[in-house]
Amino acid sequence: MADKGFSDAERDALKQRAEELRSAKGLKGAAKKARELEACVAAIDELTGLDREVGAMLHRIVSEEAPDLDPKTFYGFPAYARDGKVVVFWQPASKFDTRYGTVSFDEEAALDDGDMWSVSYAVVGTNDAVEKKIRGLVKKAAG
């Protein structure tokens, strides 16, 4: 019977999330935001190849289109939140050794469109069209 527990990568992500919470404990206001920004930029800097390229692109897009979203990390992923609640994040392919990374949106994102809509987008390359699509999604998601 197959093991139904967490994979090593999933356990590592859970540990990263616990560390994220510990590192911000007791911090408030500007100090907390500065620590979370530092962690987000460090998470992007640790990536390589396409993962890093997309992470940096998303960071730039959010800074330009949704500056009210606060950079942070979320299970080690570069993420952007409003009032502590994640709106959008980058899950790099290297994190779980998957075929593609995803730009994903949490329930705080204002992407609602009828009875069904997409909240996760696979990214296998960057070009002007990809940037334009992500830029539009981030702008809409931020409200």
N, C-alpha and C. Protein backbone atom coordinates (compact mmCIF):
# COMPACT_ATOMS: atom_id res chain seq x y z
N MET A 1 0.85 -1.19 0.00
CA MET A 1 0.00 0.00 0.00
C MET A 1 0.89 1.23 0.00
N ALA A 2 0.54 2.20 -0.80
CA ALA A 2 1.33 3.43 -0.92
C ALA A 2 1.21 4.27 0.35
N ASP A 3 2.29 4.94 0.68
CA ASP A 3 2.31 5.85 1.82
C ASP A 3 1.42 7.04 1.50
N LYS A 4 0.51 7.35 2.40
CA LYS A 4 -0.41 8.46 2.16
C LYS A 4 0.00 9.71 2.92
N GLY A 5 1.20 9.69 3.51
CA GLY A 5 1.70 10.85 4.24
C GLY A 5 2.24 11.90 3.29
N PHE A 6 2.81 12.93 3.87
CA PHE A 6 3.39 14.01 3.09
C PHE A 6 4.70 13.57 2.45
N SER A 7 4.98 14.11 1.27
CA SER A 7 6.27 13.87 0.62
C SER A 7 7.33 14.70 1.35
N ASP A 8 8.59 14.43 1.07
CA ASP A 8 9.67 15.22 1.66
C ASP A 8 9.53 16.70 1.30
N ALA A 9 9.18 16.98 0.05
CA ALA A 9 9.01 18.37 -0.39
C ALA A 9 7.85 19.04 0.34
N GLU A 10 6.77 18.30 0.55
CA GLU A 10 5.63 18.86 1.28
C GLU A 10 5.99 19.12 2.74
N ARG A 11 6.71 18.20 3.34
CA ARG A 11 7.16 18.40 4.73
C ARG A 11 8.07 19.62 4.82
N ASP A 12 8.96 19.79 3.84
CA ASP A 12 9.83 20.96 3.82
C ASP A 12 9.02 22.25 3.71
N ALA A 13 7.98 22.24 2.87
CA ALA A 13 7.13 23.42 2.72
C ALA A 13 6.42 23.74 4.03
N LEU A 14 5.95 22.73 4.72
CA LEU A 14 5.30 22.95 6.02
C LEU A 14 6.28 23.53 7.03
N LYS A 15 7.51 23.05 7.01
CA LYS A 15 8.54 23.60 7.91
C LYS A 15 8.83 25.05 7.56
N GLN A 16 8.87 25.34 6.25
CA GLN A 16 9.10 26.72 5.83
C GLN A 16 7.98 27.62 6.31
N ARG A 17 6.75 27.15 6.23
CA ARG A 17 5.61 27.96 6.68
C ARG A 17 5.71 28.21 8.18
N ALA A 18 6.06 27.21 8.93
CA ALA A 18 6.23 27.39 10.38
C ALA A 18 7.32 28.42 10.66
N GLU A 19 8.41 28.36 9.93
CA GLU A 19 9.50 29.33 10.10
C GLU A 19 9.05 30.73 9.72
N GLU A 20 8.24 30.85 8.66
CA GLU A 20 7.71 32.16 8.27
C GLU A 20 6.92 32.78 9.41
N LEU A 21 6.09 31.97 10.02
CA LEU A 21 5.26 32.46 11.13
C LEU A 21 6.13 32.83 12.33
N ARG A 22 7.12 32.00 12.64
CA ARG A 22 8.02 32.29 13.76
C ARG A 22 8.82 33.56 13.53
N SER A 23 9.32 33.75 12.31
CA SER A 23 10.18 34.90 12.04
C SER A 23 9.44 36.23 12.14
N ALA A 24 8.14 36.21 11.95
CA ALA A 24 7.35 37.45 12.02
C ALA A 24 6.67 37.63 13.37
N LYS A 25 6.79 36.62 14.24
CA LYS A 25 6.13 36.69 15.55
C LYS A 25 6.67 37.87 16.35
N GLY A 26 5.76 38.64 16.89
CA GLY A 26 6.14 39.78 17.70
C GLY A 26 6.41 41.04 16.90
N LEU A 27 6.55 40.92 15.60
CA LEU A 27 6.77 42.10 14.76
C LEU A 27 5.43 42.68 14.33
N LYS A 28 5.41 44.00 14.20
CA LYS A 28 4.19 44.66 13.76
C LYS A 28 4.54 45.78 12.80
N GLY A 29 3.55 46.20 12.06
CA GLY A 29 3.69 47.36 11.20
C GLY A 29 4.83 47.27 10.21
N ALA A 30 5.61 48.36 10.14
CA ALA A 30 6.68 48.48 9.17
C ALA A 30 7.76 47.41 9.36
N ALA A 31 8.06 47.05 10.59
CA ALA A 31 9.09 46.03 10.84
C ALA A 31 8.66 44.68 10.28
N LYS A 32 7.39 44.32 10.45
CA LYS A 32 6.88 43.06 9.93
C LYS A 32 6.89 43.08 8.40
N LYS A 33 6.44 44.19 7.81
CA LYS A 33 6.41 44.29 6.35
C LYS A 33 7.82 44.23 5.77
N ALA A 34 8.77 44.86 6.44
CA ALA A 34 10.16 44.84 5.96
C ALA A 34 10.72 43.42 6.02
N ARG A 35 10.44 42.70 7.09
CA ARG A 35 10.91 41.31 7.22
C ARG A 35 10.29 40.44 6.14
N GLU A 36 8.99 40.63 5.88
CA GLU A 36 8.31 39.82 4.88
C GLU A 36 8.79 40.15 3.46
N LEU A 37 9.05 41.43 3.18
CA LEU A 37 9.60 41.82 1.88
C LEU A 37 10.97 41.18 1.68
N GLU A 38 11.79 41.24 2.70
CA GLU A 38 13.13 40.63 2.64
C GLU A 38 13.03 39.13 2.35
N ALA A 39 12.11 38.46 3.01
CA ALA A 39 11.93 37.02 2.80
C ALA A 39 11.44 36.73 1.38
N CYS A 40 10.55 37.55 0.86
CA CYS A 40 10.02 37.36 -0.50
C CYS A 40 11.13 37.52 -1.53
N VAL A 41 11.91 38.58 -1.40
CA VAL A 41 13.01 38.82 -2.34
C VAL A 41 14.05 37.71 -2.23
N ALA A 42 14.33 37.26 -1.01
CA ALA A 42 15.29 36.16 -0.83
C ALA A 42 14.78 34.87 -1.48
N ALA A 43 13.47 34.62 -1.37
CA ALA A 43 12.89 33.41 -1.98
C ALA A 43 13.05 33.46 -3.49
N ILE A 44 12.87 34.63 -4.09
CA ILE A 44 13.04 34.78 -5.54
C ILE A 44 14.52 34.61 -5.90
N ASP A 45 15.39 35.25 -5.13
CA ASP A 45 16.83 35.19 -5.40
C ASP A 45 17.38 33.77 -5.32
N GLU A 46 16.77 32.91 -4.52
CA GLU A 46 17.22 31.53 -4.37
C GLU A 46 16.83 30.65 -5.56
N LEU A 47 15.91 31.13 -6.38
CA LEU A 47 15.46 30.37 -7.54
C LEU A 47 16.47 30.48 -8.67
N THR A 48 16.34 29.59 -9.65
CA THR A 48 17.20 29.64 -10.82
C THR A 48 16.35 29.52 -12.08
N GLY A 49 16.95 29.87 -13.21
CA GLY A 49 16.32 29.67 -14.50
C GLY A 49 14.96 30.34 -14.62
N LEU A 50 14.05 29.63 -15.26
CA LEU A 50 12.71 30.15 -15.50
C LEU A 50 11.98 30.46 -14.20
N ASP A 51 12.18 29.64 -13.17
CA ASP A 51 11.52 29.89 -11.89
C ASP A 51 11.87 31.29 -11.37
N ARG A 52 13.14 31.63 -11.45
CA ARG A 52 13.59 32.95 -10.97
C ARG A 52 13.06 34.05 -11.88
N GLU A 53 13.09 33.81 -13.18
CA GLU A 53 12.62 34.80 -14.15
C GLU A 53 11.15 35.14 -13.91
N VAL A 54 10.33 34.12 -13.72
CA VAL A 54 8.90 34.36 -13.50
C VAL A 54 8.68 35.00 -12.13
N GLY A 55 9.40 34.53 -11.11
CA GLY A 55 9.28 35.12 -9.78
C GLY A 55 9.60 36.61 -9.80
N ALA A 56 10.67 36.99 -10.48
CA ALA A 56 11.06 38.39 -10.58
C ALA A 56 10.03 39.18 -11.39
N MET A 57 9.51 38.58 -12.46
CA MET A 57 8.50 39.24 -13.28
C MET A 57 7.24 39.49 -12.46
N LEU A 58 6.79 38.48 -11.72
CA LEU A 58 5.59 38.65 -10.90
C LEU A 58 5.81 39.73 -9.85
N HIS A 59 6.98 39.74 -9.22
CA HIS A 59 7.29 40.74 -8.21
C HIS A 59 7.19 42.15 -8.82
N ARG A 60 7.77 42.32 -9.99
CA ARG A 60 7.72 43.62 -10.68
C ARG A 60 6.28 44.00 -11.04
N ILE A 61 5.53 43.04 -11.58
CA ILE A 61 4.14 43.31 -11.97
C ILE A 61 3.31 43.72 -10.76
N VAL A 62 3.42 42.97 -9.68
CA VAL A 62 2.63 43.31 -8.48
C VAL A 62 3.03 44.70 -7.97
N SER A 63 4.32 44.99 -7.97
CA SER A 63 4.79 46.31 -7.51
C SER A 63 4.19 47.44 -8.34
N GLU A 64 4.01 47.20 -9.63
CA GLU A 64 3.49 48.22 -10.53
C GLU A 64 1.96 48.26 -10.57
N GLU A 65 1.32 47.11 -10.60
CA GLU A 65 -0.13 47.04 -10.79
C GLU A 65 -0.94 46.98 -9.49
N ALA A 66 -0.32 46.50 -8.43
CA ALA A 66 -1.04 46.33 -7.16
C ALA A 66 -0.11 46.64 -5.99
N PRO A 67 0.39 47.89 -5.93
CA PRO A 67 1.35 48.24 -4.89
C PRO A 67 0.79 48.15 -3.47
N ASP A 68 -0.53 48.04 -3.35
CA ASP A 68 -1.13 47.89 -2.02
C ASP A 68 -0.99 46.46 -1.48
N LEU A 69 -0.60 45.51 -2.34
CA LEU A 69 -0.37 44.14 -1.87
C LEU A 69 1.01 44.06 -1.25
N ASP A 70 1.11 43.40 -0.12
CA ASP A 70 2.37 43.29 0.61
C ASP A 70 3.11 42.02 0.23
N PRO A 71 4.38 42.14 -0.17
CA PRO A 71 5.19 40.95 -0.45
C PRO A 71 5.44 40.16 0.83
N LYS A 72 5.47 38.85 0.70
CA LYS A 72 5.76 37.95 1.82
C LYS A 72 6.10 36.59 1.24
N THR A 73 6.28 35.61 2.06
CA THR A 73 6.39 34.24 1.57
C THR A 73 5.22 33.44 2.12
N PHE A 74 4.89 32.37 1.42
CA PHE A 74 3.76 31.52 1.75
C PHE A 74 4.19 30.10 1.43
N TYR A 75 4.53 29.33 2.47
CA TYR A 75 5.11 28.00 2.29
C TYR A 75 6.41 28.07 1.48
N GLY A 76 7.13 29.19 1.62
CA GLY A 76 8.38 29.39 0.91
C GLY A 76 8.21 29.98 -0.48
N PHE A 77 6.99 30.17 -0.92
CA PHE A 77 6.72 30.75 -2.24
C PHE A 77 6.69 32.27 -2.14
N PRO A 78 7.17 32.99 -3.16
CA PRO A 78 6.95 34.43 -3.21
C PRO A 78 5.44 34.68 -3.31
N ALA A 79 4.93 35.53 -2.44
CA ALA A 79 3.49 35.76 -2.38
C ALA A 79 3.20 37.23 -2.09
N TYR A 80 1.96 37.62 -2.34
CA TYR A 80 1.55 39.01 -2.18
C TYR A 80 0.17 39.00 -1.53
N ALA A 81 0.03 39.78 -0.44
CA ALA A 81 -1.16 39.68 0.39
C ALA A 81 -1.77 41.04 0.70
N ARG A 82 -3.02 41.01 1.07
CA ARG A 82 -3.73 42.18 1.57
C ARG A 82 -4.24 41.82 2.96
N ASP A 83 -3.88 42.65 3.92
CA ASP A 83 -4.28 42.41 5.31
C ASP A 83 -3.90 41.01 5.77
N GLY A 84 -2.73 40.56 5.35
CA GLY A 84 -2.22 39.25 5.77
C GLY A 84 -2.77 38.07 5.00
N LYS A 85 -3.73 38.30 4.11
CA LYS A 85 -4.34 37.21 3.35
C LYS A 85 -3.79 37.19 1.93
N VAL A 86 -3.23 36.06 1.53
CA VAL A 86 -2.58 35.95 0.22
C VAL A 86 -3.59 36.13 -0.91
N VAL A 87 -3.20 36.95 -1.88
CA VAL A 87 -4.00 37.18 -3.08
C VAL A 87 -3.40 36.39 -4.24
N VAL A 88 -2.07 36.50 -4.43
CA VAL A 88 -1.40 35.84 -5.55
C VAL A 88 -0.05 35.33 -5.08
N PHE A 89 0.38 34.19 -5.65
CA PHE A 89 1.70 33.65 -5.32
C PHE A 89 2.27 32.89 -6.50
N TRP A 90 3.60 32.73 -6.48
CA TRP A 90 4.32 31.97 -7.51
C TRP A 90 4.80 30.67 -6.88
N GLN A 91 4.33 29.55 -7.43
CA GLN A 91 4.81 28.23 -7.00
C GLN A 91 5.77 27.72 -8.06
N PRO A 92 7.08 27.86 -7.80
CA PRO A 92 8.05 27.46 -8.82
C PRO A 92 8.05 25.95 -9.07
N ALA A 93 8.34 25.57 -10.29
CA ALA A 93 8.39 24.14 -10.65
C ALA A 93 9.41 23.40 -9.82
N SER A 94 10.50 24.05 -9.48
CA SER A 94 11.57 23.39 -8.72
C SER A 94 11.15 23.03 -7.30
N LYS A 95 10.14 23.68 -6.78
CA LYS A 95 9.72 23.43 -5.40
C LYS A 95 9.29 21.98 -5.19
N PHE A 96 8.55 21.44 -6.12
CA PHE A 96 8.07 20.07 -6.00
C PHE A 96 8.50 19.22 -7.19
N ASP A 97 9.51 19.70 -7.93
CA ASP A 97 10.05 19.00 -9.09
C ASP A 97 8.93 18.65 -10.08
N THR A 98 8.16 19.68 -10.44
CA THR A 98 7.04 19.50 -11.36
C THR A 98 7.41 20.03 -12.75
N ARG A 99 6.58 19.72 -13.70
CA ARG A 99 6.81 20.11 -15.09
C ARG A 99 6.76 21.61 -15.29
N TYR A 100 5.92 22.29 -14.54
CA TYR A 100 5.76 23.74 -14.70
C TYR A 100 5.45 24.40 -13.36
N GLY A 101 5.83 25.66 -13.26
CA GLY A 101 5.45 26.47 -12.11
C GLY A 101 4.10 27.10 -12.37
N THR A 102 3.49 27.60 -11.32
CA THR A 102 2.17 28.22 -11.47
C THR A 102 2.09 29.57 -10.77
N VAL A 103 1.44 30.50 -11.44
CA VAL A 103 0.99 31.73 -10.81
C VAL A 103 -0.42 31.41 -10.35
N SER A 104 -0.64 31.50 -9.04
CA SER A 104 -1.93 31.09 -8.48
C SER A 104 -2.53 32.20 -7.63
N PHE A 105 -3.84 32.18 -7.55
CA PHE A 105 -4.59 33.19 -6.82
C PHE A 105 -5.42 32.51 -5.74
N ASP A 106 -5.41 33.08 -4.53
CA ASP A 106 -6.22 32.57 -3.43
C ASP A 106 -7.59 33.23 -3.44
N GLU A 107 -8.42 32.82 -2.51
CA GLU A 107 -9.81 33.28 -2.54
C GLU A 107 -9.99 34.78 -2.33
N GLU A 108 -8.97 35.48 -1.85
CA GLU A 108 -9.04 36.93 -1.71
C GLU A 108 -8.97 37.64 -3.06
N ALA A 109 -8.54 36.93 -4.09
CA ALA A 109 -8.42 37.52 -5.42
C ALA A 109 -9.80 37.78 -6.02
N ALA A 110 -9.96 38.95 -6.60
CA ALA A 110 -11.24 39.35 -7.18
C ALA A 110 -11.33 38.89 -8.64
N LEU A 111 -11.26 37.57 -8.84
CA LEU A 111 -11.30 37.01 -10.20
C LEU A 111 -12.64 36.37 -10.53
N ASP A 112 -13.59 36.44 -9.62
CA ASP A 112 -14.88 35.81 -9.82
C ASP A 112 -15.46 36.14 -11.19
N ASP A 113 -15.96 35.09 -11.86
CA ASP A 113 -16.53 35.25 -13.19
C ASP A 113 -17.61 34.20 -13.39
N GLY A 114 -18.81 34.49 -12.89
CA GLY A 114 -19.91 33.54 -13.03
C GLY A 114 -19.77 32.38 -12.07
N ASP A 115 -20.10 31.20 -12.53
CA ASP A 115 -20.10 30.01 -11.69
C ASP A 115 -18.77 29.28 -11.65
N MET A 116 -17.81 29.70 -12.50
CA MET A 116 -16.53 29.00 -12.56
C MET A 116 -15.47 29.91 -13.17
N TRP A 117 -14.23 29.87 -12.61
CA TRP A 117 -13.13 30.65 -13.15
C TRP A 117 -11.81 30.02 -12.77
N SER A 118 -10.78 30.37 -13.51
CA SER A 118 -9.44 29.84 -13.25
C SER A 118 -8.77 30.60 -12.12
N VAL A 119 -7.98 29.89 -11.32
CA VAL A 119 -7.22 30.53 -10.25
C VAL A 119 -5.75 30.13 -10.27
N SER A 120 -5.35 29.31 -11.22
CA SER A 120 -3.96 28.88 -11.31
C SER A 120 -3.57 28.79 -12.79
N TYR A 121 -2.36 29.30 -13.09
CA TYR A 121 -1.91 29.37 -14.46
C TYR A 121 -0.50 28.80 -14.58
N ALA A 122 -0.34 27.76 -15.39
CA ALA A 122 0.97 27.18 -15.64
C ALA A 122 1.78 28.15 -16.49
N VAL A 123 3.06 28.31 -16.14
CA VAL A 123 3.93 29.20 -16.89
C VAL A 123 5.17 28.40 -17.30
N VAL A 124 5.35 28.25 -18.62
CA VAL A 124 6.49 27.48 -19.13
C VAL A 124 7.45 28.35 -19.94
N GLY A 125 7.16 29.64 -20.00
CA GLY A 125 8.03 30.57 -20.71
C GLY A 125 7.57 31.99 -20.44
N THR A 126 8.48 32.92 -20.69
CA THR A 126 8.11 34.32 -20.52
C THR A 126 8.28 35.05 -21.85
N ASN A 127 7.33 35.89 -22.14
CA ASN A 127 7.37 36.75 -23.31
C ASN A 127 6.36 37.87 -23.06
N ASP A 128 6.21 38.75 -24.01
CA ASP A 128 5.31 39.89 -23.83
C ASP A 128 3.87 39.46 -23.58
N ALA A 129 3.42 38.41 -24.28
CA ALA A 129 2.04 37.95 -24.12
C ALA A 129 1.81 37.38 -22.72
N VAL A 130 2.77 36.62 -22.21
CA VAL A 130 2.66 36.06 -20.86
C VAL A 130 2.63 37.19 -19.84
N GLU A 131 3.53 38.14 -19.99
CA GLU A 131 3.55 39.27 -19.05
C GLU A 131 2.25 40.05 -19.09
N LYS A 132 1.72 40.28 -20.28
CA LYS A 132 0.46 41.01 -20.41
C LYS A 132 -0.68 40.26 -19.71
N LYS A 133 -0.74 38.94 -19.89
CA LYS A 133 -1.79 38.13 -19.26
C LYS A 133 -1.67 38.19 -17.74
N ILE A 134 -0.46 37.98 -17.23
CA ILE A 134 -0.27 38.02 -15.76
C ILE A 134 -0.57 39.40 -15.22
N ARG A 135 -0.13 40.43 -15.93
CA ARG A 135 -0.40 41.81 -15.50
C ARG A 135 -1.91 42.06 -15.38
N GLY A 136 -2.66 41.63 -16.37
CA GLY A 136 -4.11 41.81 -16.33
C GLY A 136 -4.76 41.03 -15.19
N LEU A 137 -4.29 39.81 -14.97
CA LEU A 137 -4.84 39.00 -13.88
C LEU A 137 -4.55 39.62 -12.51
N VAL A 138 -3.31 40.07 -12.33
CA VAL A 138 -2.94 40.70 -11.05
C VAL A 138 -3.77 41.96 -10.81
N LYS A 139 -3.91 42.76 -11.83
CA LYS A 139 -4.70 44.00 -11.70
C LYS A 139 -6.15 43.68 -11.32
N LYS A 140 -6.72 42.71 -11.99
CA LYS A 140 -8.11 42.31 -11.69
C LYS A 140 -8.20 41.71 -10.29
N ALA A 141 -7.26 40.83 -9.96
CA ALA A 141 -7.28 40.14 -8.66
C ALA A 141 -7.18 41.11 -7.50
N ALA A 142 -6.39 42.18 -7.68
CA ALA A 142 -6.20 43.16 -6.62
C ALA A 142 -7.43 44.05 -6.43
N GLY A 143 -8.33 44.02 -7.41
CA GLY A 143 -9.56 44.79 -7.29
C GLY A 143 -9.34 46.20 -7.67
